[in-house]
Amino acid sequence: MASVNNLKLEHQKYNYSSMLEDEALAKNVMLGDSKGVEEYMRKSWIKSQANSYYYAYVLPKQVLNQVISSVDEHAKTHFYSKAIDEINEAIKLYGDTVELSSKKAELIVKRSEYVLFGTVTGEMVFESDKLTTALEDLHGVAPARFKEVSDLLKKIAKDSLDKSFQQDTPADGALAIEKALNAYQKKVTI
């Protein structure tokens, strides 16, 4: 960046604002300032290359880093859908890169697990549509992880229902997960 600033200062040293640049340069050549014109054109070319590099590589990377930072903040506070929306917008700009698509898959898995485990533990109970979507997303993005999570959910739900029956307390979340898993299994096997 320092070299770009030096180039700007150097460009100002050769201020040809009163006439067209090519005319001014030609006039200086005819007046015997070939070295100055050569130096000006070389530094202008270098400046142009620096600007091209900045706008082609540096700025896009900085913008992407800001987007990823925002996505990570949303994920920390469990706003996974907002984070996924931001990743989708980044994909529109940068294309479906490995970095962005893996980040999106990671967020989808985290969102699905958040919904499913939050419901089965009773911390928060999501509607059946949301549970079905979470199961579909998890199965579509990470089939191996889906198997692990569904087995674990079944175990937690069974334990919760057993405990609930013994203590005569409702286990709405465990029931919702059990129903969602059974409905999804029927849907997938049909």
N, C-alpha and C. Protein backbone atom coordinates (compact mmCIF):
# COMPACT_ATOMS: atom_id res chain seq x y z
N MET A 1 0.83 -1.19 0.00
CA MET A 1 0.00 0.00 0.00
C MET A 1 0.88 1.25 0.00
N ALA A 2 2.02 1.18 0.65
CA ALA A 2 2.92 2.33 0.69
C ALA A 2 3.40 2.68 -0.71
N SER A 3 3.67 1.63 -1.53
CA SER A 3 4.13 1.91 -2.89
C SER A 3 3.03 2.57 -3.71
N VAL A 4 1.78 2.20 -3.45
CA VAL A 4 0.67 2.84 -4.16
C VAL A 4 0.58 4.31 -3.78
N ASN A 5 0.75 4.62 -2.52
CA ASN A 5 0.73 6.02 -2.08
C ASN A 5 1.88 6.81 -2.70
N ASN A 6 3.06 6.20 -2.77
CA ASN A 6 4.20 6.86 -3.42
C ASN A 6 3.91 7.13 -4.88
N LEU A 7 3.23 6.19 -5.52
CA LEU A 7 2.88 6.38 -6.92
C LEU A 7 1.91 7.55 -7.10
N LYS A 8 0.98 7.67 -6.17
CA LYS A 8 0.04 8.78 -6.26
C LYS A 8 0.77 10.11 -6.13
N LEU A 9 1.69 10.17 -5.21
CA LEU A 9 2.48 11.40 -5.05
C LEU A 9 3.31 11.68 -6.30
N GLU A 10 3.89 10.63 -6.85
CA GLU A 10 4.70 10.78 -8.06
C GLU A 10 3.83 11.26 -9.22
N HIS A 11 2.61 10.73 -9.30
CA HIS A 11 1.69 11.13 -10.37
C HIS A 11 1.34 12.61 -10.23
N GLN A 12 1.16 13.07 -9.01
CA GLN A 12 0.83 14.47 -8.79
C GLN A 12 1.99 15.38 -9.19
N LYS A 13 3.20 14.84 -9.09
CA LYS A 13 4.39 15.61 -9.46
C LYS A 13 4.32 15.99 -10.95
N TYR A 14 3.78 15.09 -11.75
CA TYR A 14 3.62 15.33 -13.18
C TYR A 14 2.16 15.69 -13.44
N ASN A 15 1.75 16.85 -13.06
CA ASN A 15 0.36 17.23 -13.17
C ASN A 15 0.09 17.82 -14.54
N TYR A 16 -0.64 17.07 -15.36
CA TYR A 16 -0.96 17.51 -16.71
C TYR A 16 -2.46 17.78 -16.83
N SER A 17 -3.06 18.28 -15.79
CA SER A 17 -4.51 18.45 -15.79
C SER A 17 -4.98 19.51 -16.76
N SER A 18 -4.14 20.45 -17.14
CA SER A 18 -4.59 21.53 -18.01
C SER A 18 -4.78 21.09 -19.46
N MET A 19 -4.17 19.98 -19.85
CA MET A 19 -4.37 19.48 -21.21
C MET A 19 -4.47 17.96 -21.19
N LEU A 20 -4.84 17.38 -22.27
CA LEU A 20 -4.94 15.94 -22.34
C LEU A 20 -3.59 15.31 -22.04
N GLU A 21 -3.62 14.19 -21.40
CA GLU A 21 -2.39 13.54 -20.95
C GLU A 21 -1.44 13.22 -22.11
N ASP A 22 -1.95 12.65 -23.18
CA ASP A 22 -1.07 12.30 -24.29
C ASP A 22 -0.46 13.52 -24.96
N GLU A 23 -1.25 14.57 -25.06
CA GLU A 23 -0.73 15.82 -25.64
C GLU A 23 0.36 16.41 -24.75
N ALA A 24 0.13 16.40 -23.45
CA ALA A 24 1.10 16.95 -22.51
C ALA A 24 2.39 16.14 -22.54
N LEU A 25 2.25 14.83 -22.59
CA LEU A 25 3.44 13.98 -22.63
C LEU A 25 4.22 14.20 -23.93
N ALA A 26 3.48 14.28 -25.04
CA ALA A 26 4.14 14.52 -26.33
C ALA A 26 4.86 15.86 -26.32
N LYS A 27 4.24 16.86 -25.76
CA LYS A 27 4.85 18.18 -25.69
C LYS A 27 6.14 18.14 -24.87
N ASN A 28 6.09 17.40 -23.73
CA ASN A 28 7.30 17.30 -22.90
C ASN A 28 8.41 16.55 -23.61
N VAL A 29 8.06 15.53 -24.41
CA VAL A 29 9.07 14.82 -25.19
C VAL A 29 9.72 15.79 -26.17
N MET A 30 8.90 16.60 -26.84
CA MET A 30 9.42 17.55 -27.83
C MET A 30 10.25 18.64 -27.17
N LEU A 31 9.97 18.92 -25.90
CA LEU A 31 10.74 19.93 -25.16
C LEU A 31 12.01 19.34 -24.54
N GLY A 32 12.24 18.04 -24.76
CA GLY A 32 13.48 17.43 -24.28
C GLY A 32 13.37 16.72 -22.93
N ASP A 33 12.17 16.50 -22.44
CA ASP A 33 12.01 15.81 -21.15
C ASP A 33 11.60 14.36 -21.37
N SER A 34 12.32 13.65 -22.25
CA SER A 34 12.01 12.25 -22.54
C SER A 34 12.13 11.38 -21.30
N LYS A 35 13.17 11.63 -20.51
CA LYS A 35 13.37 10.84 -19.29
C LYS A 35 12.19 11.01 -18.34
N GLY A 36 11.72 12.22 -18.16
CA GLY A 36 10.59 12.48 -17.28
C GLY A 36 9.33 11.80 -17.77
N VAL A 37 9.11 11.84 -19.08
CA VAL A 37 7.94 11.20 -19.67
C VAL A 37 8.04 9.68 -19.51
N GLU A 38 9.23 9.16 -19.76
CA GLU A 38 9.43 7.71 -19.59
C GLU A 38 9.16 7.29 -18.14
N GLU A 39 9.67 8.06 -17.21
CA GLU A 39 9.47 7.79 -15.78
C GLU A 39 7.98 7.87 -15.43
N TYR A 40 7.31 8.87 -15.93
CA TYR A 40 5.87 9.03 -15.69
C TYR A 40 5.08 7.82 -16.22
N MET A 41 5.36 7.41 -17.45
CA MET A 41 4.63 6.29 -18.04
C MET A 41 4.93 4.98 -17.30
N ARG A 42 6.17 4.79 -16.88
CA ARG A 42 6.52 3.58 -16.13
C ARG A 42 5.79 3.55 -14.79
N LYS A 43 5.79 4.66 -14.09
CA LYS A 43 5.13 4.72 -12.79
C LYS A 43 3.61 4.63 -12.94
N SER A 44 3.08 5.19 -14.01
CA SER A 44 1.64 5.06 -14.26
C SER A 44 1.27 3.61 -14.52
N TRP A 45 2.12 2.92 -15.26
CA TRP A 45 1.88 1.51 -15.53
C TRP A 45 1.92 0.71 -14.22
N ILE A 46 2.92 0.99 -13.38
CA ILE A 46 3.04 0.30 -12.09
C ILE A 46 1.80 0.58 -11.23
N LYS A 47 1.36 1.83 -11.23
CA LYS A 47 0.17 2.20 -10.47
C LYS A 47 -1.04 1.43 -10.98
N SER A 48 -1.16 1.35 -12.28
CA SER A 48 -2.26 0.63 -12.89
C SER A 48 -2.23 -0.85 -12.48
N GLN A 49 -1.05 -1.44 -12.47
CA GLN A 49 -0.91 -2.84 -12.06
C GLN A 49 -1.28 -3.02 -10.58
N ALA A 50 -0.84 -2.07 -9.76
CA ALA A 50 -1.16 -2.14 -8.32
C ALA A 50 -2.66 -2.04 -8.11
N ASN A 51 -3.30 -1.12 -8.81
CA ASN A 51 -4.76 -0.98 -8.70
C ASN A 51 -5.47 -2.24 -9.18
N SER A 52 -5.00 -2.79 -10.28
CA SER A 52 -5.61 -4.01 -10.81
C SER A 52 -5.48 -5.15 -9.81
N TYR A 53 -4.30 -5.31 -9.22
CA TYR A 53 -4.08 -6.37 -8.24
C TYR A 53 -4.99 -6.16 -7.03
N TYR A 54 -5.05 -4.94 -6.55
CA TYR A 54 -5.87 -4.65 -5.38
C TYR A 54 -7.33 -5.00 -5.63
N TYR A 55 -7.87 -4.55 -6.75
CA TYR A 55 -9.29 -4.79 -7.03
C TYR A 55 -9.58 -6.23 -7.45
N ALA A 56 -8.58 -6.91 -7.98
CA ALA A 56 -8.80 -8.29 -8.41
C ALA A 56 -8.59 -9.30 -7.27
N TYR A 57 -7.69 -9.01 -6.34
CA TYR A 57 -7.35 -10.00 -5.32
C TYR A 57 -7.54 -9.52 -3.88
N VAL A 58 -7.01 -8.38 -3.55
CA VAL A 58 -7.00 -7.92 -2.16
C VAL A 58 -8.40 -7.55 -1.68
N LEU A 59 -9.07 -6.67 -2.39
CA LEU A 59 -10.40 -6.23 -1.98
C LEU A 59 -11.41 -7.39 -1.91
N PRO A 60 -11.48 -8.25 -2.94
CA PRO A 60 -12.42 -9.38 -2.84
C PRO A 60 -12.15 -10.27 -1.62
N LYS A 61 -10.88 -10.50 -1.30
CA LYS A 61 -10.54 -11.32 -0.14
C LYS A 61 -10.96 -10.62 1.16
N GLN A 62 -10.75 -9.32 1.24
CA GLN A 62 -11.16 -8.56 2.42
C GLN A 62 -12.68 -8.60 2.60
N VAL A 63 -13.40 -8.45 1.51
CA VAL A 63 -14.87 -8.50 1.57
C VAL A 63 -15.32 -9.89 2.04
N LEU A 64 -14.73 -10.93 1.46
CA LEU A 64 -15.09 -12.29 1.86
C LEU A 64 -14.78 -12.54 3.33
N ASN A 65 -13.66 -12.05 3.81
CA ASN A 65 -13.31 -12.20 5.23
C ASN A 65 -14.35 -11.53 6.13
N GLN A 66 -14.85 -10.37 5.70
CA GLN A 66 -15.89 -9.68 6.48
C GLN A 66 -17.19 -10.49 6.50
N VAL A 67 -17.53 -11.07 5.37
CA VAL A 67 -18.75 -11.89 5.29
C VAL A 67 -18.61 -13.11 6.20
N ILE A 68 -17.47 -13.79 6.12
CA ILE A 68 -17.23 -14.98 6.95
C ILE A 68 -17.27 -14.61 8.43
N SER A 69 -16.72 -13.46 8.78
CA SER A 69 -16.74 -12.99 10.16
C SER A 69 -18.18 -12.79 10.64
N SER A 70 -19.00 -12.18 9.80
CA SER A 70 -20.41 -11.97 10.14
C SER A 70 -21.14 -13.30 10.27
N VAL A 71 -20.86 -14.21 9.37
CA VAL A 71 -21.47 -15.55 9.41
C VAL A 71 -21.11 -16.25 10.71
N ASP A 72 -19.85 -16.17 11.09
CA ASP A 72 -19.40 -16.81 12.34
C ASP A 72 -20.08 -16.20 13.56
N GLU A 73 -20.28 -14.89 13.55
CA GLU A 73 -20.97 -14.23 14.66
C GLU A 73 -22.42 -14.71 14.76
N HIS A 74 -23.08 -14.82 13.61
CA HIS A 74 -24.47 -15.31 13.62
C HIS A 74 -24.52 -16.75 14.13
N ALA A 75 -23.55 -17.56 13.73
CA ALA A 75 -23.53 -18.96 14.17
C ALA A 75 -23.31 -19.05 15.68
N LYS A 76 -22.46 -18.19 16.22
CA LYS A 76 -22.21 -18.20 17.67
C LYS A 76 -23.49 -17.94 18.47
N THR A 77 -24.36 -17.10 17.92
CA THR A 77 -25.60 -16.75 18.61
C THR A 77 -26.79 -17.59 18.12
N HIS A 78 -26.50 -18.66 17.39
CA HIS A 78 -27.49 -19.62 16.91
C HIS A 78 -28.47 -19.04 15.88
N PHE A 79 -28.06 -18.00 15.17
CA PHE A 79 -28.85 -17.48 14.06
C PHE A 79 -28.34 -18.12 12.77
N TYR A 80 -28.53 -19.44 12.70
CA TYR A 80 -27.97 -20.21 11.58
C TYR A 80 -28.62 -19.86 10.26
N SER A 81 -29.91 -19.62 10.24
CA SER A 81 -30.58 -19.29 8.97
C SER A 81 -30.04 -17.98 8.40
N LYS A 82 -29.81 -17.00 9.26
CA LYS A 82 -29.24 -15.73 8.81
C LYS A 82 -27.83 -15.95 8.26
N ALA A 83 -27.05 -16.78 8.95
CA ALA A 83 -25.68 -17.09 8.50
C ALA A 83 -25.71 -17.79 7.15
N ILE A 84 -26.63 -18.72 6.98
CA ILE A 84 -26.74 -19.45 5.71
C ILE A 84 -27.18 -18.51 4.59
N ASP A 85 -28.09 -17.58 4.88
CA ASP A 85 -28.49 -16.58 3.88
C ASP A 85 -27.29 -15.76 3.43
N GLU A 86 -26.45 -15.35 4.38
CA GLU A 86 -25.27 -14.56 4.03
C GLU A 86 -24.29 -15.37 3.19
N ILE A 87 -24.13 -16.65 3.51
CA ILE A 87 -23.26 -17.51 2.71
C ILE A 87 -23.82 -17.65 1.30
N ASN A 88 -25.14 -17.80 1.18
CA ASN A 88 -25.76 -17.90 -0.15
C ASN A 88 -25.51 -16.65 -0.97
N GLU A 89 -25.57 -15.49 -0.34
CA GLU A 89 -25.27 -14.24 -1.05
C GLU A 89 -23.80 -14.19 -1.48
N ALA A 90 -22.92 -14.67 -0.63
CA ALA A 90 -21.50 -14.71 -0.98
C ALA A 90 -21.26 -15.67 -2.14
N ILE A 91 -22.00 -16.76 -2.16
CA ILE A 91 -21.87 -17.73 -3.26
C ILE A 91 -22.31 -17.08 -4.58
N LYS A 92 -23.31 -16.22 -4.53
CA LYS A 92 -23.74 -15.52 -5.75
C LYS A 92 -22.60 -14.66 -6.30
N LEU A 93 -21.81 -14.07 -5.41
CA LEU A 93 -20.72 -13.21 -5.84
C LEU A 93 -19.45 -14.00 -6.19
N TYR A 94 -19.06 -14.92 -5.34
CA TYR A 94 -17.78 -15.61 -5.49
C TYR A 94 -17.87 -16.97 -6.17
N GLY A 95 -19.08 -17.44 -6.39
CA GLY A 95 -19.25 -18.77 -6.96
C GLY A 95 -19.27 -19.82 -5.85
N ASP A 96 -19.58 -21.03 -6.24
CA ASP A 96 -19.72 -22.12 -5.26
C ASP A 96 -18.34 -22.70 -4.98
N THR A 97 -17.53 -21.95 -4.24
CA THR A 97 -16.18 -22.39 -3.92
C THR A 97 -16.22 -23.47 -2.85
N VAL A 98 -15.13 -24.19 -2.72
CA VAL A 98 -15.02 -25.24 -1.70
C VAL A 98 -15.20 -24.62 -0.31
N GLU A 99 -14.56 -23.48 -0.07
CA GLU A 99 -14.64 -22.82 1.24
C GLU A 99 -16.08 -22.45 1.58
N LEU A 100 -16.79 -21.84 0.64
CA LEU A 100 -18.15 -21.40 0.91
C LEU A 100 -19.13 -22.57 1.00
N SER A 101 -19.00 -23.54 0.11
CA SER A 101 -19.94 -24.66 0.16
C SER A 101 -19.73 -25.52 1.40
N SER A 102 -18.47 -25.67 1.85
CA SER A 102 -18.25 -26.44 3.08
C SER A 102 -18.74 -25.67 4.30
N LYS A 103 -18.59 -24.34 4.27
CA LYS A 103 -19.11 -23.51 5.37
C LYS A 103 -20.63 -23.61 5.43
N LYS A 104 -21.27 -23.58 4.26
CA LYS A 104 -22.73 -23.70 4.19
C LYS A 104 -23.18 -25.05 4.73
N ALA A 105 -22.51 -26.12 4.31
CA ALA A 105 -22.86 -27.45 4.79
C ALA A 105 -22.69 -27.55 6.32
N GLU A 106 -21.60 -26.99 6.81
CA GLU A 106 -21.35 -26.98 8.26
C GLU A 106 -22.47 -26.26 9.01
N LEU A 107 -22.90 -25.14 8.47
CA LEU A 107 -23.97 -24.37 9.10
C LEU A 107 -25.31 -25.10 9.06
N ILE A 108 -25.58 -25.77 7.97
CA ILE A 108 -26.83 -26.52 7.85
C ILE A 108 -26.85 -27.65 8.88
N VAL A 109 -25.73 -28.33 9.04
CA VAL A 109 -25.64 -29.40 10.04
C VAL A 109 -25.84 -28.83 11.45
N LYS A 110 -25.16 -27.73 11.73
CA LYS A 110 -25.29 -27.11 13.06
C LYS A 110 -26.73 -26.67 13.33
N ARG A 111 -27.36 -26.06 12.33
CA ARG A 111 -28.75 -25.61 12.50
C ARG A 111 -29.66 -26.80 12.76
N SER A 112 -29.49 -27.85 11.98
CA SER A 112 -30.31 -29.04 12.15
C SER A 112 -30.13 -29.64 13.54
N GLU A 113 -28.89 -29.77 13.96
CA GLU A 113 -28.62 -30.33 15.29
C GLU A 113 -29.18 -29.44 16.39
N TYR A 114 -29.06 -28.14 16.21
CA TYR A 114 -29.59 -27.19 17.19
C TYR A 114 -31.10 -27.38 17.36
N VAL A 115 -31.80 -27.48 16.24
CA VAL A 115 -33.26 -27.65 16.27
C VAL A 115 -33.63 -29.00 16.89
N LEU A 116 -32.96 -30.05 16.45
CA LEU A 116 -33.31 -31.39 16.90
C LEU A 116 -32.97 -31.63 18.36
N PHE A 117 -31.75 -31.29 18.75
CA PHE A 117 -31.35 -31.52 20.14
C PHE A 117 -32.04 -30.55 21.10
N GLY A 118 -32.30 -29.33 20.63
CA GLY A 118 -33.05 -28.39 21.46
C GLY A 118 -34.45 -28.89 21.74
N THR A 119 -35.04 -29.54 20.76
CA THR A 119 -36.39 -30.07 20.93
C THR A 119 -36.40 -31.32 21.81
N VAL A 120 -35.50 -32.25 21.55
CA VAL A 120 -35.52 -33.50 22.30
C VAL A 120 -35.22 -33.27 23.78
N THR A 121 -34.40 -32.27 24.09
CA THR A 121 -34.10 -31.98 25.50
C THR A 121 -35.17 -31.13 26.15
N GLY A 122 -36.06 -30.59 25.35
CA GLY A 122 -37.15 -29.77 25.88
C GLY A 122 -36.77 -28.32 26.13
N GLU A 123 -35.54 -27.95 25.78
CA GLU A 123 -35.11 -26.55 25.95
C GLU A 123 -35.98 -25.62 25.11
N MET A 124 -36.29 -26.07 23.92
CA MET A 124 -37.19 -25.35 23.02
C MET A 124 -37.85 -26.39 22.15
N VAL A 125 -39.11 -26.25 21.90
CA VAL A 125 -39.82 -27.24 21.10
C VAL A 125 -40.23 -26.58 19.79
N PHE A 126 -39.69 -27.13 18.70
CA PHE A 126 -40.00 -26.61 17.38
C PHE A 126 -41.18 -27.38 16.80
N GLU A 127 -41.86 -26.75 15.85
CA GLU A 127 -43.00 -27.38 15.18
C GLU A 127 -42.53 -28.54 14.32
N SER A 128 -43.46 -29.43 14.00
CA SER A 128 -43.11 -30.63 13.24
C SER A 128 -42.52 -30.30 11.86
N ASP A 129 -43.00 -29.23 11.23
CA ASP A 129 -42.44 -28.83 9.93
C ASP A 129 -40.96 -28.49 10.05
N LYS A 130 -40.62 -27.77 11.09
CA LYS A 130 -39.24 -27.37 11.33
C LYS A 130 -38.38 -28.60 11.62
N LEU A 131 -38.93 -29.54 12.37
CA LEU A 131 -38.20 -30.78 12.67
C LEU A 131 -37.97 -31.60 11.40
N THR A 132 -39.00 -31.68 10.57
CA THR A 132 -38.87 -32.42 9.31
C THR A 132 -37.82 -31.78 8.42
N THR A 133 -37.86 -30.46 8.33
CA THR A 133 -36.85 -29.74 7.53
C THR A 133 -35.46 -29.99 8.06
N ALA A 134 -35.30 -29.96 9.38
CA ALA A 134 -33.99 -30.21 9.99
C ALA A 134 -33.50 -31.62 9.65
N LEU A 135 -34.40 -32.59 9.72
CA LEU A 135 -34.02 -33.97 9.38
C LEU A 135 -33.65 -34.09 7.89
N GLU A 136 -34.45 -33.47 7.04
CA GLU A 136 -34.17 -33.51 5.59
C GLU A 136 -32.82 -32.85 5.27
N ASP A 137 -32.60 -31.68 5.86
CA ASP A 137 -31.34 -30.96 5.62
C ASP A 137 -30.15 -31.79 6.08
N LEU A 138 -30.25 -32.33 7.27
CA LEU A 138 -29.15 -33.11 7.83
C LEU A 138 -28.89 -34.35 6.98
N HIS A 139 -29.96 -35.01 6.58
CA HIS A 139 -29.82 -36.22 5.75
C HIS A 139 -29.23 -35.88 4.38
N GLY A 140 -29.65 -34.75 3.81
CA GLY A 140 -29.16 -34.36 2.49
C GLY A 140 -27.71 -33.90 2.49
N VAL A 141 -27.30 -33.21 3.54
CA VAL A 141 -25.96 -32.63 3.58
C VAL A 141 -24.92 -33.58 4.16
N ALA A 142 -25.33 -34.32 5.20
CA ALA A 142 -24.36 -35.19 5.89
C ALA A 142 -25.04 -36.50 6.28
N PRO A 143 -25.19 -37.42 5.31
CA PRO A 143 -25.90 -38.68 5.58
C PRO A 143 -25.28 -39.49 6.73
N ALA A 144 -23.97 -39.53 6.82
CA ALA A 144 -23.33 -40.28 7.91
C ALA A 144 -23.65 -39.64 9.26
N ARG A 145 -23.58 -38.32 9.30
CA ARG A 145 -23.89 -37.60 10.54
C ARG A 145 -25.38 -37.77 10.88
N PHE A 146 -26.24 -37.83 9.86
CA PHE A 146 -27.67 -38.04 10.06
C PHE A 146 -27.91 -39.35 10.82
N LYS A 147 -27.23 -40.39 10.41
CA LYS A 147 -27.38 -41.69 11.07
C LYS A 147 -26.98 -41.59 12.53
N GLU A 148 -25.84 -40.98 12.82
CA GLU A 148 -25.38 -40.82 14.20
C GLU A 148 -26.39 -40.02 15.03
N VAL A 149 -26.81 -38.89 14.47
CA VAL A 149 -27.73 -38.00 15.19
C VAL A 149 -29.07 -38.67 15.41
N SER A 150 -29.61 -39.34 14.41
CA SER A 150 -30.92 -39.98 14.59
C SER A 150 -30.85 -41.09 15.63
N ASP A 151 -29.75 -41.87 15.65
CA ASP A 151 -29.60 -42.90 16.68
C ASP A 151 -29.53 -42.27 18.07
N LEU A 152 -28.78 -41.20 18.18
CA LEU A 152 -28.65 -40.51 19.46
C LEU A 152 -29.98 -39.87 19.89
N LEU A 153 -30.68 -39.29 18.94
CA LEU A 153 -31.99 -38.69 19.25
C LEU A 153 -32.98 -39.75 19.74
N LYS A 154 -32.98 -40.91 19.09
CA LYS A 154 -33.87 -41.98 19.52
C LYS A 154 -33.56 -42.40 20.95
N LYS A 155 -32.28 -42.52 21.27
CA LYS A 155 -31.88 -42.91 22.62
C LYS A 155 -32.29 -41.85 23.65
N ILE A 156 -32.00 -40.58 23.33
CA ILE A 156 -32.35 -39.49 24.26
C ILE A 156 -33.86 -39.41 24.43
N ALA A 157 -34.60 -39.53 23.34
CA ALA A 157 -36.06 -39.46 23.40
C ALA A 157 -36.62 -40.60 24.24
N LYS A 158 -36.09 -41.81 24.03
CA LYS A 158 -36.55 -42.97 24.80
C LYS A 158 -36.27 -42.77 26.29
N ASP A 159 -35.05 -42.35 26.62
CA ASP A 159 -34.70 -42.10 28.02
C ASP A 159 -35.59 -41.02 28.63
N SER A 160 -35.81 -39.98 27.88
CA SER A 160 -36.64 -38.87 28.35
C SER A 160 -38.08 -39.31 28.57
N LEU A 161 -38.60 -40.11 27.65
CA LEU A 161 -39.97 -40.60 27.79
C LEU A 161 -40.10 -41.56 28.97
N ASP A 162 -39.10 -42.42 29.15
CA ASP A 162 -39.11 -43.33 30.31
C ASP A 162 -39.09 -42.54 31.61
N LYS A 163 -38.21 -41.56 31.69
CA LYS A 163 -38.09 -40.73 32.89
C LYS A 163 -39.39 -39.95 33.10
N SER A 164 -39.96 -39.45 32.04
CA SER A 164 -41.20 -38.68 32.10
C SER A 164 -42.34 -39.54 32.62
N PHE A 165 -42.39 -40.78 32.15
CA PHE A 165 -43.45 -41.70 32.59
C PHE A 165 -43.31 -42.01 34.08
N GLN A 166 -42.06 -42.21 34.52
CA GLN A 166 -41.82 -42.52 35.93
C GLN A 166 -42.15 -41.33 36.83
N GLN A 167 -41.84 -40.13 36.36
CA GLN A 167 -42.05 -38.93 37.18
C GLN A 167 -43.40 -38.27 36.90
N ASP A 168 -44.15 -38.83 35.98
CA ASP A 168 -45.45 -38.30 35.61
C ASP A 168 -45.36 -36.82 35.19
N THR A 169 -44.33 -36.51 34.35
CA THR A 169 -44.17 -35.15 33.81
C THR A 169 -44.18 -35.24 32.28
N PRO A 170 -44.66 -34.22 31.62
CA PRO A 170 -44.71 -34.28 30.15
C PRO A 170 -43.31 -34.17 29.52
N ALA A 171 -43.14 -34.84 28.40
CA ALA A 171 -41.90 -34.76 27.63
C ALA A 171 -42.28 -34.44 26.19
N ASP A 172 -42.80 -33.24 26.02
CA ASP A 172 -43.30 -32.84 24.70
C ASP A 172 -42.22 -32.88 23.62
N GLY A 173 -41.04 -32.42 23.97
CA GLY A 173 -39.94 -32.40 23.00
C GLY A 173 -39.56 -33.80 22.56
N ALA A 174 -39.46 -34.73 23.50
CA ALA A 174 -39.11 -36.11 23.17
C ALA A 174 -40.18 -36.74 22.29
N LEU A 175 -41.44 -36.46 22.61
CA LEU A 175 -42.54 -36.98 21.78
C LEU A 175 -42.49 -36.40 20.36
N ALA A 176 -42.23 -35.12 20.28
CA ALA A 176 -42.15 -34.46 18.96
C ALA A 176 -41.02 -35.05 18.12
N ILE A 177 -39.89 -35.30 18.74
CA ILE A 177 -38.75 -35.88 18.00
C ILE A 177 -39.07 -37.30 17.58
N GLU A 178 -39.65 -38.07 18.47
CA GLU A 178 -40.00 -39.45 18.14
C GLU A 178 -40.96 -39.48 16.96
N LYS A 179 -41.97 -38.64 16.98
CA LYS A 179 -42.93 -38.58 15.87
C LYS A 179 -42.25 -38.14 14.58
N ALA A 180 -41.40 -37.12 14.67
CA ALA A 180 -40.71 -36.61 13.48
C ALA A 180 -39.79 -37.67 12.89
N LEU A 181 -39.06 -38.38 13.73
CA LEU A 181 -38.16 -39.43 13.24
C LEU A 181 -38.94 -40.55 12.57
N ASN A 182 -40.04 -40.97 13.21
CA ASN A 182 -40.86 -42.04 12.63
C ASN A 182 -41.47 -41.61 11.29
N ALA A 183 -42.00 -40.39 11.24
CA ALA A 183 -42.61 -39.88 10.00
C ALA A 183 -41.54 -39.74 8.91
N TYR A 184 -40.38 -39.27 9.27
CA TYR A 184 -39.32 -39.09 8.27
C TYR A 184 -38.83 -40.45 7.77
N GLN A 185 -38.70 -41.41 8.66
CA GLN A 185 -38.25 -42.73 8.26
C GLN A 185 -39.24 -43.36 7.28
N LYS A 186 -40.53 -43.20 7.56
CA LYS A 186 -41.56 -43.74 6.65
C LYS A 186 -41.47 -43.04 5.29
N LYS A 187 -41.26 -41.74 5.32
CA LYS A 187 -41.18 -40.94 4.10
C LYS A 187 -39.98 -41.33 3.25
N VAL A 188 -38.86 -41.62 3.90
CA VAL A 188 -37.62 -41.95 3.18
C VAL A 188 -37.68 -43.37 2.64
N THR A 189 -38.26 -44.29 3.37
CA THR A 189 -38.29 -45.69 2.94
C THR A 189 -39.37 -45.97 1.91
N ILE A 190 -40.32 -45.08 1.77
CA ILE A 190 -41.41 -45.32 0.79
C ILE A 190 -40.96 -44.99 -0.60
